[in-house]
Amino acid sequence: MLTLNAIRNNTQEIIDRLAKRGIDRTADIMQVIALDELKRAKQTQLEQNLAKANTIAKDVGELFKAGNRAQADLKKEESIQLKEESRQLETELSELENQLTQKLYEIPNAPSAKVKTGKTPEENEVVFEWGDNPVLPENAKPHWELTSQYQLVDFELGNKITGAGFPVYTGKGARLQRALINFFLDEALSAGYYEIQPPILVNEASGFGTGQLPDKEGQMYHSPIDNLYCIPTAEVPITNMYRDVILKEDELPLKNVGYTPCFRREAGSYGSHVRGLNRLHQFDKVEIVQIAHPDNSYEILENMVDHVKGLMRKLGLKFRILRLCGGDMGFASALTYDFEAWSGAQQKWLEVSSVSNFETFQANRLKCRYKSKDGKNEFVHTLNGSALALPRIVASLLENYQTTDGINLPECLHPYLGFSKI
């Protein structure tokens, strides 16, 4: 969440940055300031009461020593009244703190200066494009036909076992999944990331820590009995490893990578844009996460973008990078780049990765800080990216590499697959 210091000291700048999302958050920001001022006034009053109570306690002792019981009793009555007022102030302070926290939870991150004002995906900026359109055979098939023809994915079986959006990968389809996961992990390890295998269920505090709660509560699978949530991305458990942690400045940046299945309840709809692997409720993803010093987090963001570029090039997929406008960014992001792969048979772009800098937004929720050289505890910046999400990568590979007698696969996957062609 946004820090109170940033809101207090840079009120108009925060309002202007939030306006890049295509919304006016002035009223929310002013309410935060009003609640904070009231809370600070109550805190000052409480501290004054407590100081006065301490002075009275000393006075009562001196009066008793001097044998002035009547005056001591009067002072004790005054002390009782002060204690009652202090208890009331503590209750009011607790209520104000809760109101302030809840209001801050409702306000999204303020976009960075590089982010364009806008509301819709059509307003995103294309900042990079690589590759050529694949040369496909006549009457090229979309991936949902190819997966059926070559028995790679069984959507009906998944529907029988669980429901729509939970496919069963079979034979070489399952091996392709495993190959991609291992390839992505090995590439991240070669780039200096440290591998983590985190839980795929998280508690409520973890959901709040990275900003999925309360913003995406309806999109997460929830077990009410245990109050645990299925993760929408490995970002959640990996970033929460650093909740309530104070790091040393020379430890930064911390680079972690993890493979997990991911779960999203996204409301179902109909049409080719959600057919086959285009939109799933369960899918596999390799995630890279960095905990960075604020001074160089945007340089690190570009390095993470370059890492994903390298994966796409090795896979030989035509792709482009979008810098998202304010209204299309996630709730917690300050700046997001989306990667889209070209789907030859569907003749459209498919989102395959998002790489984001959250600045201090998650760190403030997590209370993840580092001790600076001058001894102060400062918030870190958090970043993450898909490197990569599998479903639409698989869809693009199958469609773009299809031939009249099978599907050729990129050379970088051959050692992991044990075969080069389906």
Protein backbone atom coordinates (compact mmCIF):
# COMPACT_ATOMS: atom_id res chain seq x y z
CA MET A 1 0.00 0.00 0.00
CA LEU A 2 1.05 3.61 -0.39
CA THR A 3 3.06 4.97 2.51
CA LEU A 4 1.60 7.67 4.73
CA ASN A 5 4.79 9.70 4.35
CA ALA A 6 4.38 9.76 0.56
CA ILE A 7 0.72 10.76 0.86
CA ARG A 8 1.44 13.48 3.46
CA ASN A 9 4.51 14.96 1.80
CA ASN A 10 3.57 14.55 -1.88
CA THR A 11 -0.22 14.72 -1.83
CA GLN A 12 -0.80 16.30 -5.23
CA GLU A 13 1.87 14.16 -6.91
CA ILE A 14 0.18 10.99 -5.60
CA ILE A 15 -3.24 12.22 -6.78
CA ASP A 16 -1.81 13.04 -10.22
CA ARG A 17 -0.08 9.67 -10.52
CA LEU A 18 -3.25 7.80 -9.52
CA ALA A 19 -5.12 9.76 -12.19
CA LYS A 20 -3.02 7.88 -14.79
CA ARG A 21 -5.26 4.90 -13.99
CA GLY A 22 -8.19 6.87 -15.36
CA ILE A 23 -9.74 7.34 -11.93
CA ASP A 24 -9.97 10.28 -9.55
CA ARG A 25 -8.79 9.20 -6.11
CA THR A 26 -8.67 12.69 -4.62
CA ALA A 27 -11.46 11.98 -2.13
CA ASP A 28 -9.76 8.79 -0.93
CA ILE A 29 -6.40 10.50 -0.50
CA MET A 30 -7.96 13.41 1.40
CA GLN A 31 -9.83 10.95 3.62
CA VAL A 32 -6.54 9.21 4.42
CA ILE A 33 -4.98 12.55 5.36
CA ALA A 34 -7.99 13.48 7.55
CA LEU A 35 -7.93 10.11 9.34
CA ASP A 36 -4.19 10.35 9.82
CA GLU A 37 -4.42 13.88 11.27
CA LEU A 38 -7.19 12.82 13.64
CA LYS A 39 -5.20 9.76 14.68
CA ARG A 40 -2.09 11.86 15.32
CA ALA A 41 -4.12 14.35 17.39
CA LYS A 42 -5.59 11.51 19.47
CA GLN A 43 -2.12 10.03 19.91
CA THR A 44 -0.76 13.37 21.13
CA GLN A 45 -3.66 13.71 23.57
CA LEU A 46 -3.07 10.18 24.86
CA GLU A 47 0.64 10.83 25.37
CA GLN A 48 -0.17 14.05 27.24
CA ASN A 49 -2.66 12.19 29.46
CA LEU A 50 -0.14 9.47 30.23
CA ALA A 51 2.55 12.02 31.06
CA LYS A 52 0.12 13.88 33.31
CA ALA A 53 -0.90 10.62 35.00
CA ASN A 54 2.75 9.85 35.75
CA THR A 55 3.22 13.31 37.28
CA ILE A 56 0.07 12.86 39.41
CA ALA A 57 1.27 9.46 40.60
CA LYS A 58 4.48 11.07 41.84
CA ASP A 59 2.49 13.88 43.47
CA VAL A 60 0.23 11.39 45.25
CA GLY A 61 3.26 9.64 46.69
CA GLU A 62 4.74 12.91 47.94
CA LEU A 63 1.40 14.01 49.46
CA PHE A 64 1.01 10.72 51.33
CA LYS A 65 4.55 11.07 52.63
CA ALA A 66 3.71 14.58 53.83
CA GLY A 67 0.57 13.26 55.55
CA ASN A 68 -1.78 15.25 53.28
CA ARG A 69 -4.27 12.40 52.68
CA ALA A 70 -7.22 14.61 51.62
CA GLN A 71 -5.28 16.27 48.82
CA ALA A 72 -3.75 12.92 47.87
CA ASP A 73 -7.24 11.43 47.51
CA LEU A 74 -8.27 14.31 45.25
CA LYS A 75 -5.23 13.67 43.07
CA LYS A 76 -6.10 9.96 42.96
CA GLU A 77 -9.59 10.83 41.69
CA GLU A 78 -8.01 12.97 39.00
CA SER A 79 -5.72 10.05 38.11
CA ILE A 80 -8.70 7.67 37.82
CA GLN A 81 -10.42 10.12 35.47
CA LEU A 82 -7.28 10.40 33.34
CA LYS A 83 -6.97 6.62 33.11
CA GLU A 84 -10.58 6.36 31.96
CA GLU A 85 -9.98 9.04 29.33
CA SER A 86 -6.80 7.25 28.24
CA ARG A 87 -8.63 3.93 27.81
CA GLN A 88 -11.24 5.70 25.69
CA LEU A 89 -8.51 7.34 23.61
CA GLU A 90 -6.80 3.97 23.09
CA THR A 91 -10.09 2.50 21.84
CA GLU A 92 -10.62 5.46 19.50
CA LEU A 93 -7.02 5.18 18.28
CA SER A 94 -7.45 1.49 17.52
CA GLU A 95 -10.65 2.20 15.55
CA LEU A 96 -8.96 5.02 13.63
CA GLU A 97 -5.97 2.80 12.86
CA ASN A 98 -8.29 0.13 11.45
CA GLN A 99 -10.20 2.70 9.37
CA LEU A 100 -6.96 4.16 8.06
CA THR A 101 -5.51 0.75 7.18
CA GLN A 102 -8.70 -0.35 5.41
CA LYS A 103 -8.80 2.88 3.40
CA LEU A 104 -5.15 2.46 2.40
CA TYR A 105 -5.86 -1.14 1.35
CA GLU A 106 -8.50 0.18 -1.07
CA ILE A 107 -6.15 2.56 -2.90
CA PRO A 108 -4.05 1.08 -5.76
CA ASN A 109 -0.39 1.83 -6.33
CA ALA A 110 0.52 5.14 -7.92
CA PRO A 111 1.89 4.56 -11.46
CA SER A 112 5.44 5.66 -12.22
CA ALA A 113 6.28 8.66 -14.37
CA LYS A 114 6.84 6.38 -17.43
CA VAL A 115 3.25 5.12 -17.37
CA LYS A 116 0.81 6.58 -19.87
CA THR A 117 -2.63 7.76 -18.73
CA GLY A 118 -5.35 5.44 -19.99
CA LYS A 119 -8.15 3.05 -19.12
CA THR A 120 -8.21 0.28 -21.75
CA PRO A 121 -5.78 -2.24 -23.30
CA GLU A 122 -6.04 -0.35 -26.58
CA GLU A 123 -4.15 2.51 -24.92
CA ASN A 124 -1.10 0.39 -24.06
CA GLU A 125 2.17 1.27 -25.80
CA VAL A 126 4.10 -1.20 -27.97
CA VAL A 127 7.74 -0.60 -27.02
CA PHE A 128 9.45 -3.59 -28.69
CA GLU A 129 8.75 -6.26 -31.31
CA TRP A 130 10.85 -9.21 -32.50
CA GLY A 131 10.51 -12.03 -35.01
CA ASP A 132 8.72 -12.82 -38.22
CA ASN A 133 5.31 -14.31 -38.86
CA PRO A 134 5.59 -18.10 -39.02
CA VAL A 135 5.15 -19.73 -42.44
CA LEU A 136 2.32 -22.17 -41.89
CA PRO A 137 0.78 -24.86 -44.07
CA GLU A 138 -2.49 -24.15 -45.81
CA ASN A 139 -5.46 -24.55 -43.49
CA ALA A 140 -3.24 -24.34 -40.37
CA LYS A 141 -5.00 -25.59 -37.26
CA PRO A 142 -5.51 -23.82 -33.93
CA HIS A 143 -3.88 -25.49 -30.95
CA TRP A 144 -7.09 -27.04 -29.60
CA GLU A 145 -7.34 -29.10 -32.79
CA LEU A 146 -3.65 -30.00 -32.70
CA THR A 147 -3.79 -31.11 -29.06
CA SER A 148 -6.68 -33.42 -29.96
CA GLN A 149 -5.06 -34.73 -33.15
CA TYR A 150 -1.77 -35.61 -31.41
CA GLN A 151 -3.32 -36.54 -28.03
CA LEU A 152 -1.41 -33.87 -26.11
CA VAL A 153 -4.16 -32.32 -23.96
CA ASP A 154 -7.53 -33.76 -22.99
CA PHE A 155 -9.92 -30.93 -22.16
CA GLU A 156 -12.98 -33.18 -21.83
CA LEU A 157 -11.25 -35.45 -19.34
CA GLY A 158 -10.25 -32.43 -17.26
CA ASN A 159 -13.85 -31.24 -17.36
CA LYS A 160 -14.97 -34.69 -16.15
CA ILE A 161 -12.46 -34.80 -13.28
CA THR A 162 -12.75 -31.19 -12.14
CA GLY A 163 -14.44 -28.77 -14.50
CA ALA A 164 -13.79 -26.42 -17.41
CA GLY A 165 -10.36 -24.78 -17.32
CA PHE A 166 -8.57 -27.77 -15.72
CA PRO A 167 -7.00 -29.68 -18.64
CA VAL A 168 -5.24 -33.07 -18.48
CA TYR A 169 -1.87 -33.14 -20.29
CA THR A 170 -1.06 -36.52 -21.78
CA GLY A 171 1.88 -38.25 -23.45
CA LYS A 172 4.13 -35.83 -25.29
CA GLY A 173 1.91 -32.95 -24.12
CA ALA A 174 2.86 -33.75 -20.52
CA ARG A 175 6.51 -34.09 -21.51
CA LEU A 176 6.39 -30.72 -23.27
CA GLN A 177 5.07 -29.16 -20.06
CA ARG A 178 7.89 -30.69 -18.02
CA ALA A 179 10.50 -29.69 -20.60
CA LEU A 180 9.40 -26.07 -20.61
CA ILE A 181 9.37 -25.87 -16.80
CA ASN A 182 12.90 -27.29 -16.56
CA PHE A 183 14.16 -25.10 -19.41
CA PHE A 184 12.76 -21.94 -17.78
CA LEU A 185 14.16 -22.89 -14.36
CA ASP A 186 17.62 -23.69 -15.76
CA GLU A 187 17.72 -20.39 -17.66
CA ALA A 188 16.85 -18.51 -14.46
CA LEU A 189 19.50 -20.39 -12.46
CA SER A 190 22.07 -19.50 -15.14
CA ALA A 191 21.03 -15.84 -14.67
CA GLY A 192 21.80 -15.98 -10.95
CA TYR A 193 18.36 -16.72 -9.50
CA TYR A 194 18.01 -18.97 -6.44
CA GLU A 195 15.40 -21.73 -6.78
CA ILE A 196 12.49 -21.92 -4.34
CA GLN A 197 9.72 -24.52 -4.20
CA PRO A 198 7.08 -22.74 -2.12
CA PRO A 199 3.67 -23.87 -0.80
CA ILE A 200 0.76 -23.41 -3.20
CA LEU A 201 -1.62 -22.53 -0.36
CA VAL A 202 -1.12 -19.28 1.54
CA ASN A 203 -2.72 -17.64 4.54
CA GLU A 204 -4.66 -14.40 4.56
CA ALA A 205 -1.67 -12.34 5.73
CA SER A 206 0.29 -13.45 2.66
CA GLY A 207 -2.58 -12.46 0.37
CA PHE A 208 -2.68 -9.00 1.93
CA GLY A 209 1.11 -8.76 1.87
CA THR A 210 1.41 -8.84 -1.93
CA GLY A 211 -1.88 -7.05 -2.68
CA GLN A 212 -4.08 -9.93 -3.88
CA LEU A 213 -6.35 -9.26 -0.90
CA PRO A 214 -8.71 -7.55 -0.71
CA ASP A 215 -8.45 -6.54 -4.40
CA LYS A 216 -8.70 -10.02 -6.00
CA GLU A 217 -10.54 -11.92 -3.29
CA GLY A 218 -13.23 -13.10 -5.72
CA GLN A 219 -10.62 -14.44 -8.15
CA MET A 220 -8.85 -16.70 -5.64
CA TYR A 221 -9.87 -20.21 -4.66
CA HIS A 222 -10.48 -20.15 -0.92
CA SER A 223 -10.76 -22.86 1.73
CA PRO A 224 -12.92 -21.22 4.45
CA ILE A 225 -12.35 -23.98 7.03
CA ASP A 226 -8.60 -23.33 7.12
CA ASN A 227 -8.81 -19.77 5.73
CA LEU A 228 -6.17 -20.63 3.13
CA TYR A 229 -6.00 -19.47 -0.49
CA CYS A 230 -4.70 -21.27 -3.59
CA ILE A 231 -1.97 -19.09 -5.06
CA PRO A 232 -2.63 -17.19 -8.32
CA THR A 233 1.14 -16.99 -8.86
CA ALA A 234 4.39 -17.99 -7.11
CA GLU A 235 4.95 -14.27 -6.54
CA VAL A 236 2.73 -14.51 -3.45
CA PRO A 237 4.58 -17.13 -1.37
CA ILE A 238 8.07 -16.17 -2.59
CA THR A 239 7.67 -12.44 -1.88
CA ASN A 240 6.07 -13.24 1.50
CA MET A 241 9.24 -15.05 2.53
CA TYR A 242 10.46 -11.54 3.36
CA ARG A 243 7.41 -10.39 5.33
CA ASP A 244 8.47 -8.71 8.63
CA VAL A 245 12.15 -9.05 7.67
CA ILE A 246 14.88 -6.40 7.91
CA LEU A 247 17.60 -7.10 5.36
CA LYS A 248 21.16 -5.82 5.17
CA GLU A 249 21.74 -3.31 2.40
CA ASP A 250 24.58 -5.36 0.93
CA GLU A 251 22.24 -8.38 0.59
CA LEU A 252 20.27 -6.59 -2.12
CA PRO A 253 19.17 -7.54 -4.68
CA LEU A 254 17.76 -10.95 -3.73
CA LYS A 255 16.87 -13.04 -6.79
CA ASN A 256 14.52 -16.00 -6.47
CA VAL A 257 12.80 -18.26 -8.99
CA GLY A 258 10.07 -20.81 -8.44
CA TYR A 259 7.85 -23.15 -10.40
CA THR A 260 4.28 -23.66 -9.17
CA PRO A 261 0.87 -24.51 -10.46
CA CYS A 262 -1.32 -21.39 -10.34
CA PHE A 263 -5.05 -21.10 -9.72
CA ARG A 264 -7.44 -18.36 -10.84
CA ARG A 265 -11.22 -18.30 -10.65
CA GLU A 266 -11.52 -15.82 -13.54
CA ALA A 267 -15.13 -15.61 -14.64
CA GLY A 268 -15.74 -17.85 -17.62
CA SER A 269 -16.90 -16.56 -20.99
CA TYR A 270 -17.25 -17.95 -24.48
CA GLY A 271 -15.41 -17.54 -27.76
CA SER A 272 -12.01 -18.29 -29.26
CA HIS A 273 -10.24 -15.91 -26.88
CA VAL A 274 -10.87 -18.35 -24.00
CA ARG A 275 -10.85 -21.60 -25.98
CA GLY A 276 -8.34 -24.38 -25.39
CA LEU A 277 -5.27 -23.15 -23.51
CA ASN A 278 -6.10 -19.46 -23.98
CA ARG A 279 -7.62 -19.15 -20.51
CA LEU A 280 -7.41 -21.72 -17.70
CA HIS A 281 -8.27 -21.92 -14.02
CA GLN A 282 -5.16 -24.03 -13.30
CA PHE A 283 -1.88 -23.59 -15.15
CA ASP A 284 1.88 -23.93 -14.64
CA LYS A 285 4.24 -20.99 -14.40
CA VAL A 286 7.85 -20.21 -13.58
CA GLU A 287 8.13 -16.91 -11.70
CA ILE A 288 11.16 -14.69 -11.10
CA VAL A 289 11.09 -12.39 -8.05
CA GLN A 290 13.58 -9.75 -6.94
CA ILE A 291 13.86 -7.76 -3.71
CA ALA A 292 15.79 -4.64 -4.68
CA HIS A 293 17.30 -1.41 -3.44
CA PRO A 294 15.06 1.54 -4.41
CA ASP A 295 17.95 3.27 -6.19
CA ASN A 296 18.31 0.62 -8.89
CA SER A 297 14.95 -1.18 -9.06
CA TYR A 298 14.13 0.24 -12.51
CA GLU A 299 17.47 -0.92 -13.89
CA ILE A 300 16.66 -4.35 -12.45
CA LEU A 301 13.21 -4.22 -14.07
CA GLU A 302 14.86 -3.74 -17.47
CA ASN A 303 17.22 -6.67 -16.73
CA MET A 304 14.22 -8.86 -15.93
CA VAL A 305 12.57 -7.79 -19.19
CA ASP A 306 15.78 -8.72 -21.03
CA HIS A 307 15.72 -12.15 -19.37
CA VAL A 308 12.21 -12.84 -20.67
CA LYS A 309 13.23 -11.50 -24.10
CA GLY A 310 16.00 -14.11 -24.14
CA LEU A 311 13.55 -16.93 -23.41
CA MET A 312 11.21 -15.84 -26.21
CA ARG A 313 14.07 -15.59 -28.70
CA LYS A 314 15.37 -19.05 -27.81
CA LEU A 315 11.87 -20.44 -28.31
CA GLY A 316 11.81 -18.70 -31.68
CA LEU A 317 8.43 -17.09 -31.09
CA LYS A 318 7.49 -13.77 -32.62
CA PHE A 319 6.66 -11.47 -29.71
CA ARG A 320 6.08 -7.89 -28.72
CA ILE A 321 6.34 -5.96 -25.44
CA LEU A 322 3.69 -3.54 -24.22
CA ARG A 323 4.13 -0.90 -21.54
CA LEU A 324 0.73 -0.91 -19.92
CA CYS A 325 -1.26 2.27 -19.46
CA GLY A 326 -2.37 3.16 -15.94
CA GLY A 327 -5.86 1.72 -16.23
CA ASP A 328 -4.69 -1.68 -17.51
CA MET A 329 -2.07 -2.27 -14.83
CA GLY A 330 -2.56 -4.52 -11.84
CA PHE A 331 -3.67 -3.03 -8.52
CA ALA A 332 -0.21 -3.23 -6.90
CA SER A 333 1.98 -2.32 -9.88
CA ALA A 334 3.85 0.93 -10.45
CA LEU A 335 4.97 -0.11 -13.95
CA THR A 336 4.22 -3.27 -15.94
CA TYR A 337 5.54 -4.66 -19.21
CA ASP A 338 3.41 -7.35 -20.88
CA PHE A 339 4.88 -9.84 -23.33
CA GLU A 340 2.63 -11.13 -26.09
CA ALA A 341 3.42 -14.05 -28.41
CA TRP A 342 2.02 -14.17 -31.91
CA SER A 343 -0.39 -17.06 -32.44
CA GLY A 344 -0.05 -18.00 -36.09
CA ALA A 345 -3.18 -20.11 -36.47
CA GLN A 346 -5.40 -17.84 -34.39
CA GLN A 347 -3.90 -14.74 -35.99
CA LYS A 348 -3.72 -12.79 -32.76
CA TRP A 349 -1.42 -11.84 -29.88
CA LEU A 350 -1.51 -13.92 -26.68
CA GLU A 351 -0.25 -12.54 -23.38
CA VAL A 352 2.47 -14.84 -22.01
CA SER A 353 4.24 -12.75 -19.36
CA SER A 354 3.98 -9.67 -17.16
CA VAL A 355 7.06 -8.09 -15.59
CA SER A 356 6.38 -5.46 -12.93
CA ASN A 357 7.98 -3.10 -10.44
CA PHE A 358 5.84 -2.52 -7.35
CA GLU A 359 8.22 0.01 -5.78
CA THR A 360 7.41 0.14 -2.01
CA PHE A 361 3.71 -0.82 -2.37
CA GLN A 362 4.12 -4.48 -1.42
CA ALA A 363 7.05 -3.80 0.91
CA ASN A 364 4.91 -1.45 3.01
CA ARG A 365 2.26 -4.16 3.42
CA LEU A 366 4.91 -6.79 4.07
CA LYS A 367 6.98 -4.56 6.37
CA CYS A 368 10.02 -5.69 4.37
CA ARG A 369 12.86 -3.27 4.92
CA TYR A 370 16.62 -2.96 4.70
CA LYS A 371 18.98 -1.20 7.09
CA SER A 372 20.70 1.61 5.21
CA LYS A 373 24.29 2.66 5.78
CA ASP A 374 23.11 5.48 8.07
CA GLY A 375 21.27 2.94 10.24
CA LYS A 376 17.72 3.76 9.11
CA ASN A 377 15.21 1.07 8.19
CA GLU A 378 13.95 1.77 4.66
CA PHE A 379 11.41 -0.07 2.50
CA VAL A 380 12.78 -2.23 -0.33
CA HIS A 381 11.31 -2.34 -3.82
CA THR A 382 9.75 -5.63 -5.00
CA LEU A 383 9.62 -6.88 -8.59
CA ASN A 384 8.41 -10.01 -10.32
CA GLY A 385 7.82 -11.49 -13.73
CA SER A 386 6.49 -14.57 -15.50
CA ALA A 387 9.43 -16.42 -17.00
CA LEU A 388 7.25 -17.94 -18.32
CA ALA A 389 3.58 -18.96 -18.00
CA LEU A 390 3.06 -22.18 -19.94
CA PRO A 391 -0.44 -22.40 -21.48
CA ARG A 392 -0.22 -19.73 -24.17
CA ILE A 393 3.46 -20.51 -24.79
CA VAL A 394 2.40 -24.10 -25.54
CA ALA A 395 -0.46 -22.83 -27.72
CA SER A 396 1.95 -20.60 -29.69
CA LEU A 397 4.58 -23.34 -30.09
CA LEU A 398 2.08 -25.88 -31.36
CA GLU A 399 0.49 -23.45 -33.80
CA ASN A 400 3.62 -21.71 -35.06
CA TYR A 401 5.75 -24.85 -35.47
CA GLN A 402 3.10 -27.04 -37.14
CA THR A 403 3.87 -28.66 -40.50
CA THR A 404 1.88 -30.93 -42.79
CA ASP A 405 3.33 -34.02 -41.07
CA GLY A 406 3.70 -32.98 -37.44
CA ILE A 407 4.95 -30.27 -35.09
CA ASN A 408 8.63 -29.36 -34.99
CA LEU A 409 9.85 -28.04 -31.64
CA PRO A 410 12.56 -25.44 -30.91
CA GLU A 411 16.09 -26.73 -30.53
CA CYS A 412 16.50 -25.36 -26.99
CA LEU A 413 13.89 -27.88 -25.79
CA HIS A 414 15.34 -30.99 -27.47
CA PRO A 415 17.63 -31.98 -24.55
CA TYR A 416 14.68 -31.72 -22.15
CA LEU A 417 12.19 -33.51 -24.38
CA GLY A 418 14.17 -36.46 -25.69
CA PHE A 419 12.52 -35.84 -29.07
CA SER A 420 12.43 -32.99 -31.58
CA LYS A 421 9.09 -33.49 -33.27
CA ILE A 422 5.54 -34.46 -32.45
